[in-house]
Protein backbone atom coordinates (compact mmCIF):
# COMPACT_ATOMS: atom_id res chain seq x y z
CA MET A 1 4.98 221.23 138.38
CA LYS A 2 7.65 218.88 139.67
CA THR A 3 11.03 219.52 138.07
CA ILE A 4 14.04 217.26 137.72
CA PHE A 5 17.43 217.53 136.05
CA PRO A 6 18.59 214.44 134.14
CA ASN A 7 20.66 211.90 136.04
CA TYR A 8 23.63 211.01 133.83
CA GLU A 9 24.07 207.67 135.61
CA GLN A 10 20.58 206.51 134.68
CA CYS A 11 19.76 208.00 131.29
CA LEU A 12 19.53 207.17 127.60
CA THR A 13 23.30 207.49 127.21
CA ASN A 14 23.78 204.69 129.75
CA LEU A 15 21.37 202.48 127.82
CA THR A 16 23.50 202.79 124.70
CA ASN A 17 26.63 202.04 126.69
CA SER A 18 25.00 198.80 127.89
CA ILE A 19 24.53 197.83 124.25
CA LEU A 20 28.10 198.78 123.36
CA ASN A 21 29.36 196.76 126.31
CA TYR A 22 27.30 193.73 125.21
CA TYR A 23 28.94 193.75 121.78
CA GLY A 24 32.40 194.01 123.30
CA PHE A 25 33.16 197.68 122.70
CA GLU A 26 34.78 200.09 125.09
CA THR A 27 32.15 202.20 126.85
CA TYR A 28 32.12 205.97 127.21
CA HIS A 29 29.94 206.03 130.31
CA SER A 30 28.42 203.70 132.89
CA THR A 31 25.81 201.12 131.87
CA LEU A 32 22.29 200.28 133.09
CA LYS A 33 22.38 197.12 135.23
CA GLU A 34 18.77 196.23 134.33
CA VAL A 35 19.74 196.09 130.65
CA ASP A 36 23.06 194.39 131.34
CA GLU A 37 21.30 191.59 133.21
CA GLU A 38 18.86 190.96 130.36
CA LEU A 39 21.63 190.98 127.76
CA LYS A 40 23.44 188.20 129.65
CA LYS A 41 20.85 185.84 128.16
CA ASP A 42 22.69 186.32 124.85
CA TYR A 43 19.93 186.88 122.31
CA LYS A 44 20.45 186.34 118.58
CA ASN A 45 18.83 189.72 117.86
CA VAL A 46 18.76 192.97 119.82
CA VAL A 47 16.14 195.49 118.70
CA LEU A 48 16.09 199.04 120.07
CA ILE A 49 12.92 200.96 119.14
CA LEU A 50 12.64 204.65 119.95
CA TYR A 51 9.17 206.21 119.79
CA ASP A 52 9.63 209.97 119.65
CA GLY A 53 7.99 211.84 122.52
CA MET A 54 6.52 208.79 124.28
CA GLY A 55 7.30 209.99 127.81
CA ALA A 56 6.64 207.90 130.91
CA SER A 57 3.76 210.02 132.25
CA LEU A 58 2.05 210.01 128.83
CA LEU A 59 2.35 206.25 128.58
CA LYS A 60 0.66 205.95 131.94
CA ARG A 61 -2.07 208.46 131.04
CA ASN A 62 -2.87 207.31 127.53
CA LEU A 63 -2.71 203.52 127.96
CA LYS A 64 -4.26 201.09 130.43
CA GLU A 65 -2.13 199.62 133.19
CA ASP A 66 -2.30 196.13 131.67
CA ASP A 67 -1.61 197.26 128.08
CA PHE A 68 1.50 195.71 126.56
CA LEU A 69 3.90 198.65 126.85
CA ASN A 70 2.96 199.46 130.44
CA LYS A 71 3.03 195.77 131.42
CA HIS A 72 6.59 195.35 130.15
CA LYS A 73 7.96 198.64 131.50
CA VAL A 74 10.90 197.84 133.77
CA MET A 75 11.52 201.35 135.10
CA ASP A 76 11.64 205.01 134.19
CA ILE A 77 14.98 206.41 133.09
CA HIS A 78 15.98 209.95 132.18
CA ALA A 79 16.30 211.71 128.87
CA VAL A 80 19.40 213.86 128.55
CA PHE A 81 19.29 217.66 128.78
CA PRO A 82 17.60 219.19 127.03
CA PRO A 83 14.95 216.47 126.70
CA THR A 84 14.50 216.91 122.99
CA THR A 85 14.96 214.81 119.86
CA THR A 86 18.20 216.39 118.63
CA ALA A 87 20.07 215.94 121.90
CA SER A 88 18.51 212.64 123.00
CA THR A 89 18.53 210.64 119.77
CA THR A 90 22.14 211.68 119.15
CA ALA A 91 22.99 210.50 122.66
CA VAL A 92 21.34 207.16 121.86
CA LEU A 93 23.14 206.86 118.53
CA SER A 94 26.55 207.94 119.84
CA GLY A 95 26.66 206.74 123.44
CA LYS A 96 27.81 210.21 124.45
CA ASN A 97 26.14 213.06 126.33
CA PRO A 98 25.02 216.29 124.61
CA ASN A 99 27.98 218.32 125.92
CA GLU A 100 30.24 215.75 124.23
CA HIS A 101 28.50 215.14 120.90
CA GLY A 102 27.48 218.81 120.53
CA TRP A 103 23.96 218.36 119.11
CA LEU A 104 22.42 220.36 121.95
CA GLY A 105 19.08 221.24 120.40
CA TRP A 106 16.91 221.94 117.38
CA ASP A 107 18.54 225.30 116.57
CA LEU A 108 22.24 226.00 117.19
CA TYR A 109 24.39 229.06 116.66
CA PHE A 110 27.30 228.57 114.25
CA LYS A 111 30.13 231.03 114.83
CA SER A 112 31.63 230.21 111.43
CA ILE A 113 28.66 231.80 109.63
CA ASP A 114 27.30 233.92 112.52
CA ARG A 115 23.81 232.43 112.10
CA VAL A 116 21.45 230.11 113.92
CA VAL A 117 20.80 226.87 112.02
CA THR A 118 18.10 224.21 112.40
CA MET A 119 20.32 221.18 112.87
CA PHE A 120 18.39 218.33 111.26
CA LEU A 121 17.07 220.40 108.36
CA ASN A 122 20.25 222.35 107.46
CA THR A 123 18.16 225.54 107.17
CA TYR A 124 18.51 228.96 108.73
CA LYS A 125 16.28 229.15 111.81
CA ASP A 126 12.59 229.85 111.10
CA THR A 127 13.14 229.76 107.33
CA ASP A 128 13.16 227.19 104.51
CA GLU A 129 16.46 228.52 103.17
CA GLN A 130 19.19 225.86 102.97
CA VAL A 131 22.51 226.81 104.53
CA SER A 132 24.59 224.88 101.98
CA ASP A 133 24.59 221.84 99.70
CA THR A 134 26.16 219.79 102.46
CA SER A 135 25.12 219.60 106.10
CA ILE A 136 26.93 222.17 108.22
CA SER A 137 25.68 220.28 111.30
CA THR A 138 27.29 216.92 110.46
CA GLU A 139 30.46 218.63 109.25
CA THR A 140 30.81 220.60 112.48
CA TYR A 141 29.59 217.90 114.87
CA PRO A 142 30.64 214.51 113.46
CA TYR A 143 30.24 211.37 115.55
CA GLU A 144 30.48 207.62 115.08
CA SER A 145 27.06 205.99 115.17
CA ILE A 146 26.70 202.80 117.18
CA ILE A 147 25.09 201.29 114.07
CA GLU A 148 28.34 201.75 112.14
CA LYS A 149 30.38 200.53 115.10
CA ILE A 150 28.32 197.42 115.87
CA ASN A 151 28.17 196.58 112.16
CA THR A 152 31.87 195.68 112.36
CA LYS A 153 30.91 192.68 114.56
CA VAL A 154 27.31 191.71 113.71
CA ASN A 155 24.74 192.81 111.16
CA ALA A 156 23.59 196.27 112.33
CA VAL A 157 20.74 198.17 110.69
CA GLY A 158 19.16 201.57 111.30
CA LEU A 159 15.54 202.12 110.29
CA PHE A 160 14.31 205.69 109.84
CA PRO A 161 11.44 207.48 108.03
CA PHE A 162 14.21 209.09 105.94
CA LYS A 163 17.71 208.10 104.78
CA ASP A 164 18.45 205.12 102.53
CA THR A 165 17.14 202.47 104.93
CA HIS A 166 13.73 204.09 105.28
CA TYR A 167 10.27 202.70 105.92
CA GLU A 168 6.85 203.93 104.83
CA ASP A 169 4.86 203.76 108.07
CA LEU A 170 4.70 201.99 111.44
CA TYR A 171 3.54 198.73 109.87
CA ASP A 172 6.39 198.76 107.37
CA MET A 173 8.92 199.55 110.10
CA HIS A 174 7.73 196.59 112.16
CA ASN A 175 7.65 194.31 109.10
CA GLN A 176 11.24 195.21 108.28
CA ILE A 177 12.30 194.47 111.86
CA GLU A 178 10.58 191.07 111.67
CA GLU A 179 12.21 190.17 108.36
CA ILE A 180 15.71 191.15 109.50
CA CYS A 181 15.32 189.10 112.69
CA LYS A 182 14.48 186.00 110.60
CA ASN A 183 17.83 185.92 108.78
CA ASP A 184 20.64 183.58 109.77
CA LYS A 185 22.82 186.34 111.25
CA ARG A 186 23.16 187.95 114.64
CA ASN A 187 21.45 191.33 114.29
CA PHE A 188 21.29 194.69 116.00
CA ILE A 189 18.45 196.95 114.84
CA TYR A 190 17.81 200.56 115.81
CA ALA A 191 14.42 201.84 114.69
CA TYR A 192 13.22 205.42 115.11
CA TYR A 193 9.54 206.40 114.75
CA GLU A 194 8.47 210.06 114.73
CA ASP A 195 5.19 209.63 116.63
CA PRO A 196 3.61 210.34 119.07
CA ASP A 197 5.80 213.49 119.02
CA HIS A 198 4.60 214.72 115.63
CA THR A 199 0.93 214.33 116.53
CA MET A 200 1.29 215.90 119.99
CA HIS A 201 3.03 219.01 118.64
CA GLN A 202 -0.01 219.61 116.43
CA SER A 203 -2.91 218.51 118.62
CA GLY A 204 -1.64 218.39 122.22
CA THR A 205 -0.95 215.54 124.63
CA ASP A 206 -4.57 214.66 125.45
CA SER A 207 -6.27 214.83 122.06
CA LYS A 208 -8.18 211.99 120.40
CA ASP A 209 -5.49 211.87 117.70
CA THR A 210 -2.78 211.43 120.33
CA LEU A 211 -4.71 208.71 122.16
CA ASP A 212 -5.20 206.89 118.84
CA VAL A 213 -1.46 207.01 118.14
CA PHE A 214 -0.60 205.59 121.57
CA GLU A 215 -3.10 202.78 121.15
CA LEU A 216 -1.79 201.97 117.67
CA ILE A 217 1.84 201.91 118.81
CA ASN A 218 0.94 199.69 121.75
CA LYS A 219 -1.10 197.25 119.65
CA GLU A 220 1.39 196.96 116.80
CA THR A 221 4.42 196.67 119.09
CA GLU A 222 2.74 193.78 120.91
CA LYS A 223 2.00 192.09 117.57
CA LEU A 224 5.62 192.48 116.50
CA CYS A 225 7.04 191.12 119.74
CA ASN A 226 4.79 188.08 119.60
CA LYS A 227 6.18 187.20 116.16
CA LEU A 228 9.86 187.36 117.16
CA GLU A 229 12.15 184.58 118.36
CA GLU A 230 15.50 184.76 120.15
CA THR A 231 15.13 188.52 120.22
CA LEU A 232 15.46 191.16 122.90
CA VAL A 233 13.25 194.19 122.22
CA ILE A 234 14.03 197.39 124.10
CA VAL A 235 11.53 200.24 123.69
CA VAL A 236 12.31 203.78 124.84
CA ALA A 237 11.47 207.40 124.09
CA ASP A 238 13.77 210.35 123.61
CA HIS A 239 11.71 212.69 125.83
CA GLY A 240 8.19 213.40 127.02
CA HIS A 241 5.79 216.27 126.31
CA LEU A 242 3.45 218.75 127.94
CA ASN A 243 0.79 221.12 126.63
CA ALA A 244 2.40 224.53 126.34
CA GLU A 245 1.82 228.28 125.98
CA ALA A 246 4.02 230.63 123.98
CA ILE A 247 5.83 233.78 125.10
CA THR A 248 6.90 235.89 122.11
CA LEU A 249 10.03 237.85 123.02
CA LYS A 250 9.35 240.59 120.47
CA ASP A 251 6.26 241.48 122.52
CA TYR A 252 8.68 242.64 125.24
CA PRO A 253 10.58 245.52 123.55
CA ASP A 254 12.75 246.22 126.58
CA VAL A 255 13.94 242.59 126.61
CA PHE A 256 14.21 242.36 122.84
CA GLU A 257 16.57 245.34 122.62
CA CYS A 258 19.00 243.50 124.92
CA LEU A 259 19.44 240.64 122.46
CA GLU A 260 22.54 240.53 120.27
CA ARG A 261 21.11 237.82 118.01
CA ASP A 262 18.30 235.32 117.65
CA VAL A 263 17.76 232.88 120.52
CA SER A 264 18.81 229.27 119.99
CA ILE A 265 19.08 225.67 121.27
CA GLU A 266 15.39 225.11 122.24
CA SER A 267 12.34 227.20 123.06
CA ARG A 268 12.23 225.64 126.56
CA ALA A 269 16.02 225.49 126.97
CA CYS A 270 16.74 228.84 125.43
CA SER A 271 20.18 230.32 124.81
CA PHE A 272 20.48 234.12 124.94
CA LYS A 273 23.38 236.17 123.59
CA ILE A 274 23.13 239.61 125.21
CA LYS A 275 24.74 242.93 124.32
CA GLU A 276 27.58 243.48 126.77
CA GLU A 277 26.21 246.76 128.11
CA LYS A 278 22.72 245.27 128.56
CA LYS A 279 23.49 242.21 130.71
CA THR A 280 22.43 243.71 134.04
CA GLN A 281 19.30 245.12 132.46
CA PHE A 282 18.49 241.74 130.89
CA GLU A 283 18.85 239.92 134.22
CA GLU A 284 16.54 242.42 135.93
CA LEU A 285 13.94 242.22 133.17
CA PHE A 286 14.06 238.45 133.08
CA GLU A 287 13.43 238.37 136.82
CA LYS A 288 10.53 240.82 136.36
CA TYR A 289 8.75 238.98 133.55
CA PHE A 290 9.75 235.33 133.48
CA LYS A 291 10.93 234.14 136.92
CA GLU A 292 7.79 232.05 137.51
CA ASP A 293 8.31 230.09 134.31
CA PHE A 294 12.08 229.78 133.76
CA ILE A 295 15.34 229.36 135.65
CA LEU A 296 18.00 231.70 134.28
CA LEU A 297 21.60 230.49 134.43
CA ALA A 298 24.72 232.35 133.33
CA LYS A 299 27.12 230.48 131.03
CA GLN A 300 29.58 229.60 133.79
CA GLU A 301 26.79 228.14 135.93
CA VAL A 302 25.74 225.96 133.00
CA ILE A 303 29.29 224.71 132.60
CA ASP A 304 29.89 224.17 136.33
CA LYS A 305 26.61 222.32 136.89
CA GLN A 306 27.25 219.99 133.91
CA ILE A 307 23.60 220.30 132.91
CA PHE A 308 24.29 219.01 129.39
CA GLY A 309 26.19 216.01 130.72
CA THR A 310 29.48 214.73 132.03
CA GLY A 311 32.59 214.07 129.98
CA LYS A 312 34.75 216.35 127.84
CA ASN A 313 32.87 219.31 126.42
CA ASN A 314 32.70 219.56 122.64
CA ASP A 315 35.04 222.17 121.17
CA HIS A 316 32.07 224.36 120.19
CA PHE A 317 30.10 223.88 123.40
CA GLU A 318 30.80 227.20 125.10
CA GLU A 319 30.14 229.37 122.04
CA VAL A 320 26.79 227.61 121.51
CA VAL A 321 25.59 228.01 125.10
CA GLY A 322 25.62 231.81 124.76
CA ASP A 323 25.63 234.18 127.74
CA TYR A 324 22.55 232.80 129.50
CA LEU A 325 20.39 229.70 129.40
CA ALA A 326 16.70 229.91 130.31
CA ILE A 327 15.29 226.54 131.41
CA ALA A 328 11.52 226.06 131.52
CA ILE A 329 9.94 224.96 134.80
CA SER A 330 6.30 225.65 133.86
CA ASN A 331 4.38 225.08 130.61
CA LYS A 332 5.74 228.20 128.85
CA TYR A 333 8.07 228.37 125.85
CA PHE A 334 9.85 231.21 124.07
CA ARG A 335 9.26 232.36 120.51
CA TYR A 336 11.71 234.90 119.11
CA ASP A 337 9.28 236.82 116.89
CA GLU A 338 6.27 236.44 114.58
CA ASN A 339 8.19 234.03 112.30
CA SER A 340 8.66 231.43 115.04
CA VAL A 341 6.36 228.41 115.25
CA PHE A 342 3.32 227.95 117.46
CA LEU A 343 2.91 224.40 118.77
CA LYS A 344 0.30 222.97 121.14
CA SER A 345 2.66 220.68 123.00
CA MET A 346 6.37 221.09 123.67
CA HIS A 347 9.40 219.63 125.44
CA ALA A 348 13.03 220.48 126.41
CA GLY A 349 12.25 221.84 129.88
CA ILE A 350 12.89 220.06 133.17
CA THR A 351 9.42 219.00 134.24
CA GLU A 352 9.02 215.30 135.02
CA ASP A 353 6.62 214.98 132.07
CA GLU A 354 9.51 215.88 129.76
CA VAL A 355 12.50 214.25 131.45
CA LEU A 356 11.23 210.78 132.44
CA VAL A 357 11.01 208.15 129.71
CA PRO A 358 10.00 204.49 129.96
CA LEU A 359 12.45 201.62 129.67
CA ILE A 360 10.42 198.74 128.23
CA ILE A 361 12.04 195.32 127.83
CA TYR A 362 10.58 192.26 126.14
CA GLY A 363 12.60 189.08 125.68
CA ALA A 364 11.34 186.66 123.04
CA LYS A 365 13.24 183.41 123.63
CA HIS A 366 10.75 180.88 122.28
CA VAL A 367 11.93 178.81 119.30
């Protein structure tokens, strides 16, 4: 499998900074010239749609070359590291890289409670138990959303399958976008849709269900774009996917006894905290069992290589990284024990299927 680390000069973070620049805000990072050029046409509405998991290679495999989304793809850009929803969507919404905003992955270690927490759900990892009445994630890792920021200059709306401004399904999401674009204001709309990611986790990247979802997204997005006027539509994904096989760490007792606590961040970008006296043993065992499937980096290597991005590291960054980071280069992923999930398709490693995402641009100028 071909592997690639994200390029932080041509990634999702840069896309957001192009949008911030267009609305006259100071940028945190460089912008994407392809987006900057299109925005010079000064559209009444800018719509950014993110389809979860719709990686570039999957778009090519699951749709025809002349289908709408492929036809309007300008280029492939990079997700951030790890290529996963938590890190990537927060990069899109903040304009900052994961090392800056701190939302590194699905499950993060919180030193304040000495537990691993599932970030979006506010639950202890691999349980349904709530950590607290309020979100420990948003309290520990606050950031200013570009929706809030842009709303100080033009009408800015976020559409999600949750929160107050929610929609019921893909059709409803597109209908809401259409209605907002018809008003007499200048509008910025960010819309997040949880497929094809949700379907692929359950049925794999090449299933009939997955193909149906791709075809539906393509068809309905084309319908939406054809209804819009004076609107720039940008379509991206947060990461790609690949069919995956699990490695359960508890099945390796000699490795498991080295662990000081549960693993965290992501199953394909896995943080290990190791007992001090077991570090040499852990490195040797990792080399013995997992070297064909993962790159193992010590904490200082992770920091020096700026894998999670450029810019000032979040105050909690180093404690979250742990002692070692295992990065997937094959189709394998780590489960901690029998309570961890099994999924047919995964992401967060550094294969091209996971890292490359499409940048699709459609300008509707007709009036």
